[in-house]
Amino acid sequence: MAVYIEGYLQDSQTNSYQHKSVDQLLKEEEGIIMETPGDTLLASLGLRKGKKVTVKAKQVCNGPVICSVDGRNIALSRDIACNILVNCNR
């Protein structure tokens, strides 16, 4: 059974978090993309459902989130990073 807690789902049996946005991931934390906004540019950059994404850095003052997909580093605005949902185990 899943329980909604602070903006993401928590599996009550395994106590592992299922969904977060890329913006919520910590540095060097990774997840599998579950949902992206309907922007074709993101898909062309490799940000597609099922791909593994790793956060490399988060810039200060609401700056971009630097993440890695398929060995390429991509800078995402916080607005876009908040709309990309990933499945991660904590």
N, C-alpha and C. Protein backbone atom coordinates (compact mmCIF):
# COMPACT_ATOMS: atom_id res chain seq x y z
N MET A 1 0.84 -1.18 0.00
CA MET A 1 0.00 0.00 0.00
C MET A 1 0.88 1.24 0.00
N ALA A 2 0.54 2.22 -0.81
CA ALA A 2 1.32 3.45 -0.89
C ALA A 2 0.64 4.55 -0.09
N VAL A 3 1.44 5.39 0.55
CA VAL A 3 0.94 6.49 1.36
C VAL A 3 1.54 7.78 0.83
N TYR A 4 0.72 8.83 0.67
CA TYR A 4 1.19 10.12 0.16
C TYR A 4 1.79 10.92 1.32
N ILE A 5 3.07 11.27 1.22
CA ILE A 5 3.76 12.02 2.27
C ILE A 5 4.60 13.11 1.63
N GLU A 6 4.39 14.36 2.02
CA GLU A 6 5.22 15.50 1.63
C GLU A 6 5.56 15.54 0.14
N GLY A 7 4.59 15.36 -0.71
CA GLY A 7 4.81 15.54 -2.14
C GLY A 7 5.24 14.31 -2.90
N TYR A 8 5.41 13.17 -2.23
CA TYR A 8 5.76 11.96 -2.96
C TYR A 8 5.18 10.75 -2.24
N LEU A 9 5.15 9.63 -2.94
CA LEU A 9 4.56 8.42 -2.40
C LEU A 9 5.56 7.62 -1.59
N GLN A 10 5.08 7.01 -0.53
CA GLN A 10 5.93 6.15 0.27
C GLN A 10 5.27 4.78 0.35
N ASP A 11 6.02 3.73 0.04
CA ASP A 11 5.51 2.38 0.14
C ASP A 11 5.56 1.97 1.60
N SER A 12 4.42 1.71 2.20
CA SER A 12 4.36 1.44 3.64
C SER A 12 4.96 0.08 3.99
N GLN A 13 5.06 -0.86 3.03
CA GLN A 13 5.63 -2.17 3.34
C GLN A 13 7.15 -2.15 3.32
N THR A 14 7.75 -1.49 2.37
CA THR A 14 9.21 -1.48 2.28
C THR A 14 9.82 -0.20 2.84
N ASN A 15 8.97 0.80 3.14
CA ASN A 15 9.40 2.09 3.65
C ASN A 15 10.37 2.80 2.70
N SER A 16 10.25 2.51 1.40
CA SER A 16 11.09 3.18 0.41
C SER A 16 10.25 4.20 -0.35
N TYR A 17 10.86 5.32 -0.71
CA TYR A 17 10.16 6.36 -1.44
C TYR A 17 10.11 5.98 -2.91
N GLN A 18 8.97 6.22 -3.52
CA GLN A 18 8.79 5.81 -4.90
C GLN A 18 8.98 6.94 -5.89
N HIS A 19 8.39 8.08 -5.65
CA HIS A 19 8.45 9.17 -6.64
C HIS A 19 8.93 10.47 -6.00
N LYS A 20 9.83 11.13 -6.71
CA LYS A 20 10.32 12.46 -6.35
C LYS A 20 10.50 13.22 -7.66
N SER A 21 10.62 14.52 -7.56
CA SER A 21 11.01 15.27 -8.74
C SER A 21 12.54 15.32 -8.79
N VAL A 22 13.09 15.59 -9.96
CA VAL A 22 14.55 15.69 -10.09
C VAL A 22 15.08 16.79 -9.17
N ASP A 23 14.30 17.85 -8.98
CA ASP A 23 14.69 18.93 -8.09
C ASP A 23 14.84 18.47 -6.64
N GLN A 24 14.12 17.45 -6.23
CA GLN A 24 14.17 16.95 -4.86
C GLN A 24 15.33 15.99 -4.60
N LEU A 25 15.96 15.48 -5.66
CA LEU A 25 17.08 14.57 -5.49
C LEU A 25 18.29 15.31 -4.92
N LEU A 26 19.07 14.61 -4.13
CA LEU A 26 20.31 15.18 -3.60
C LEU A 26 21.44 14.96 -4.59
N LYS A 27 22.56 15.63 -4.36
CA LYS A 27 23.73 15.47 -5.23
C LYS A 27 24.17 14.00 -5.24
N GLU A 28 24.43 13.47 -6.42
CA GLU A 28 24.83 12.09 -6.69
C GLU A 28 23.72 11.07 -6.45
N GLU A 29 22.50 11.53 -6.15
CA GLU A 29 21.37 10.61 -6.04
C GLU A 29 20.83 10.36 -7.44
N GLU A 30 20.35 9.14 -7.67
CA GLU A 30 19.85 8.80 -9.00
C GLU A 30 18.46 8.20 -8.92
N GLY A 31 17.80 8.23 -10.05
CA GLY A 31 16.46 7.68 -10.15
C GLY A 31 16.13 7.36 -11.59
N ILE A 32 15.07 6.62 -11.77
CA ILE A 32 14.58 6.25 -13.10
C ILE A 32 13.42 7.18 -13.45
N ILE A 33 13.49 7.81 -14.61
CA ILE A 33 12.46 8.76 -15.01
C ILE A 33 11.13 8.03 -15.22
N MET A 34 10.09 8.53 -14.55
CA MET A 34 8.76 7.95 -14.65
C MET A 34 7.83 8.83 -15.47
N GLU A 35 8.04 10.15 -15.40
CA GLU A 35 7.14 11.08 -16.09
C GLU A 35 7.90 12.37 -16.40
N THR A 36 7.67 12.89 -17.60
CA THR A 36 8.27 14.17 -18.00
C THR A 36 7.19 15.07 -18.56
N PRO A 37 7.44 16.39 -18.57
CA PRO A 37 6.49 17.27 -19.24
C PRO A 37 6.48 16.96 -20.73
N GLY A 38 5.44 17.34 -21.43
CA GLY A 38 5.31 17.01 -22.85
C GLY A 38 6.17 17.86 -23.77
N ASP A 39 7.42 18.05 -23.44
CA ASP A 39 8.34 18.87 -24.23
C ASP A 39 9.23 17.96 -25.07
N THR A 40 9.18 18.09 -26.38
CA THR A 40 9.97 17.23 -27.26
C THR A 40 11.47 17.52 -27.13
N LEU A 41 11.83 18.71 -26.72
CA LEU A 41 13.25 19.03 -26.53
C LEU A 41 13.86 18.14 -25.44
N LEU A 42 13.11 17.87 -24.37
CA LEU A 42 13.62 17.01 -23.30
C LEU A 42 13.90 15.61 -23.82
N ALA A 43 13.02 15.08 -24.63
CA ALA A 43 13.22 13.75 -25.20
C ALA A 43 14.47 13.72 -26.08
N SER A 44 14.69 14.78 -26.83
CA SER A 44 15.88 14.82 -27.70
C SER A 44 17.17 14.93 -26.90
N LEU A 45 17.08 15.42 -25.68
CA LEU A 45 18.25 15.48 -24.79
C LEU A 45 18.47 14.17 -24.03
N GLY A 46 17.56 13.22 -24.20
CA GLY A 46 17.70 11.93 -23.54
C GLY A 46 16.84 11.77 -22.30
N LEU A 47 16.08 12.79 -21.95
CA LEU A 47 15.22 12.73 -20.77
C LEU A 47 13.89 12.10 -21.14
N ARG A 48 13.88 10.76 -21.15
CA ARG A 48 12.68 10.00 -21.52
C ARG A 48 12.35 9.00 -20.42
N LYS A 49 11.12 8.57 -20.40
CA LYS A 49 10.66 7.59 -19.42
C LYS A 49 11.53 6.34 -19.49
N GLY A 50 11.96 5.86 -18.32
CA GLY A 50 12.78 4.65 -18.23
C GLY A 50 14.27 4.90 -18.18
N LYS A 51 14.71 6.12 -18.46
CA LYS A 51 16.14 6.44 -18.42
C LYS A 51 16.60 6.75 -17.00
N LYS A 52 17.85 6.39 -16.69
CA LYS A 52 18.42 6.69 -15.38
C LYS A 52 19.02 8.09 -15.39
N VAL A 53 18.68 8.88 -14.39
CA VAL A 53 19.19 10.25 -14.27
C VAL A 53 19.90 10.38 -12.92
N THR A 54 21.05 11.06 -12.93
CA THR A 54 21.82 11.30 -11.71
C THR A 54 22.04 12.80 -11.56
N VAL A 55 21.75 13.34 -10.38
CA VAL A 55 21.99 14.76 -10.13
C VAL A 55 23.47 14.95 -9.82
N LYS A 56 24.12 15.81 -10.57
CA LYS A 56 25.55 16.09 -10.39
C LYS A 56 25.78 17.33 -9.54
N ALA A 57 24.92 18.34 -9.68
CA ALA A 57 25.08 19.59 -8.92
C ALA A 57 23.77 20.36 -8.95
N LYS A 58 23.61 21.20 -7.93
CA LYS A 58 22.47 22.12 -7.87
C LYS A 58 23.04 23.50 -7.60
N GLN A 59 22.77 24.41 -8.51
CA GLN A 59 23.31 25.76 -8.38
C GLN A 59 22.50 26.57 -7.36
N VAL A 60 23.16 27.53 -6.73
CA VAL A 60 22.53 28.35 -5.69
C VAL A 60 21.55 29.35 -6.28
N CYS A 61 20.78 29.97 -5.42
CA CYS A 61 19.83 31.02 -5.80
C CYS A 61 18.84 30.55 -6.85
N ASN A 62 18.32 29.35 -6.66
CA ASN A 62 17.33 28.79 -7.57
C ASN A 62 17.86 28.62 -8.99
N GLY A 63 19.17 28.39 -9.09
CA GLY A 63 19.80 28.19 -10.40
C GLY A 63 19.52 26.79 -10.93
N PRO A 64 20.15 26.44 -12.04
CA PRO A 64 19.84 25.16 -12.68
C PRO A 64 20.31 23.94 -11.90
N VAL A 65 19.69 22.81 -12.23
CA VAL A 65 20.09 21.50 -11.71
C VAL A 65 20.88 20.82 -12.82
N ILE A 66 22.10 20.41 -12.51
CA ILE A 66 22.94 19.72 -13.48
C ILE A 66 22.76 18.22 -13.26
N CYS A 67 22.31 17.52 -14.29
CA CYS A 67 22.10 16.08 -14.15
C CYS A 67 22.77 15.35 -15.31
N SER A 68 22.97 14.07 -15.10
CA SER A 68 23.62 13.23 -16.10
C SER A 68 22.63 12.17 -16.58
N VAL A 69 22.51 12.05 -17.90
CA VAL A 69 21.68 11.02 -18.54
C VAL A 69 22.51 10.43 -19.67
N ASP A 70 22.67 9.12 -19.67
CA ASP A 70 23.46 8.44 -20.71
C ASP A 70 24.86 9.02 -20.87
N GLY A 71 25.49 9.42 -19.76
CA GLY A 71 26.85 9.95 -19.80
C GLY A 71 26.97 11.39 -20.23
N ARG A 72 25.85 12.07 -20.47
CA ARG A 72 25.88 13.48 -20.86
C ARG A 72 25.35 14.33 -19.72
N ASN A 73 26.01 15.45 -19.47
CA ASN A 73 25.54 16.39 -18.45
C ASN A 73 24.57 17.38 -19.09
N ILE A 74 23.45 17.60 -18.41
CA ILE A 74 22.40 18.49 -18.91
C ILE A 74 22.02 19.45 -17.80
N ALA A 75 21.93 20.74 -18.12
CA ALA A 75 21.48 21.75 -17.16
C ALA A 75 19.98 21.96 -17.35
N LEU A 76 19.23 21.80 -16.26
CA LEU A 76 17.77 21.99 -16.30
C LEU A 76 17.38 23.13 -15.39
N SER A 77 16.46 23.96 -15.84
CA SER A 77 15.94 24.99 -14.94
C SER A 77 15.18 24.31 -13.82
N ARG A 78 15.08 24.97 -12.67
CA ARG A 78 14.35 24.38 -11.53
C ARG A 78 12.89 24.12 -11.89
N ASP A 79 12.30 24.99 -12.71
CA ASP A 79 10.91 24.80 -13.12
C ASP A 79 10.72 23.47 -13.86
N ILE A 80 11.63 23.17 -14.75
CA ILE A 80 11.53 21.92 -15.50
C ILE A 80 11.89 20.74 -14.61
N ALA A 81 12.94 20.88 -13.79
CA ALA A 81 13.36 19.79 -12.90
C ALA A 81 12.25 19.41 -11.92
N CYS A 82 11.43 20.36 -11.52
CA CYS A 82 10.31 20.07 -10.61
C CYS A 82 9.22 19.25 -11.28
N ASN A 83 9.17 19.26 -12.60
CA ASN A 83 8.13 18.55 -13.33
C ASN A 83 8.56 17.21 -13.90
N ILE A 84 9.80 16.80 -13.62
CA ILE A 84 10.28 15.48 -14.05
C ILE A 84 10.25 14.58 -12.84
N LEU A 85 9.38 13.57 -12.87
CA LEU A 85 9.25 12.65 -11.74
C LEU A 85 10.11 11.42 -11.95
N VAL A 86 10.79 11.00 -10.89
CA VAL A 86 11.66 9.83 -10.95
C VAL A 86 11.27 8.85 -9.84
N ASN A 87 11.61 7.59 -10.07
CA ASN A 87 11.42 6.54 -9.09
C ASN A 87 12.80 6.27 -8.50
N CYS A 88 12.92 6.39 -7.20
CA CYS A 88 14.21 6.17 -6.56
C CYS A 88 14.03 5.40 -5.27
N ASN A 89 15.04 4.65 -4.89
CA ASN A 89 15.04 3.93 -3.62
C ASN A 89 15.99 4.63 -2.68
N ARG A 90 15.54 4.86 -1.51
CA ARG A 90 16.37 5.56 -0.53
C ARG A 90 16.91 4.62 0.48
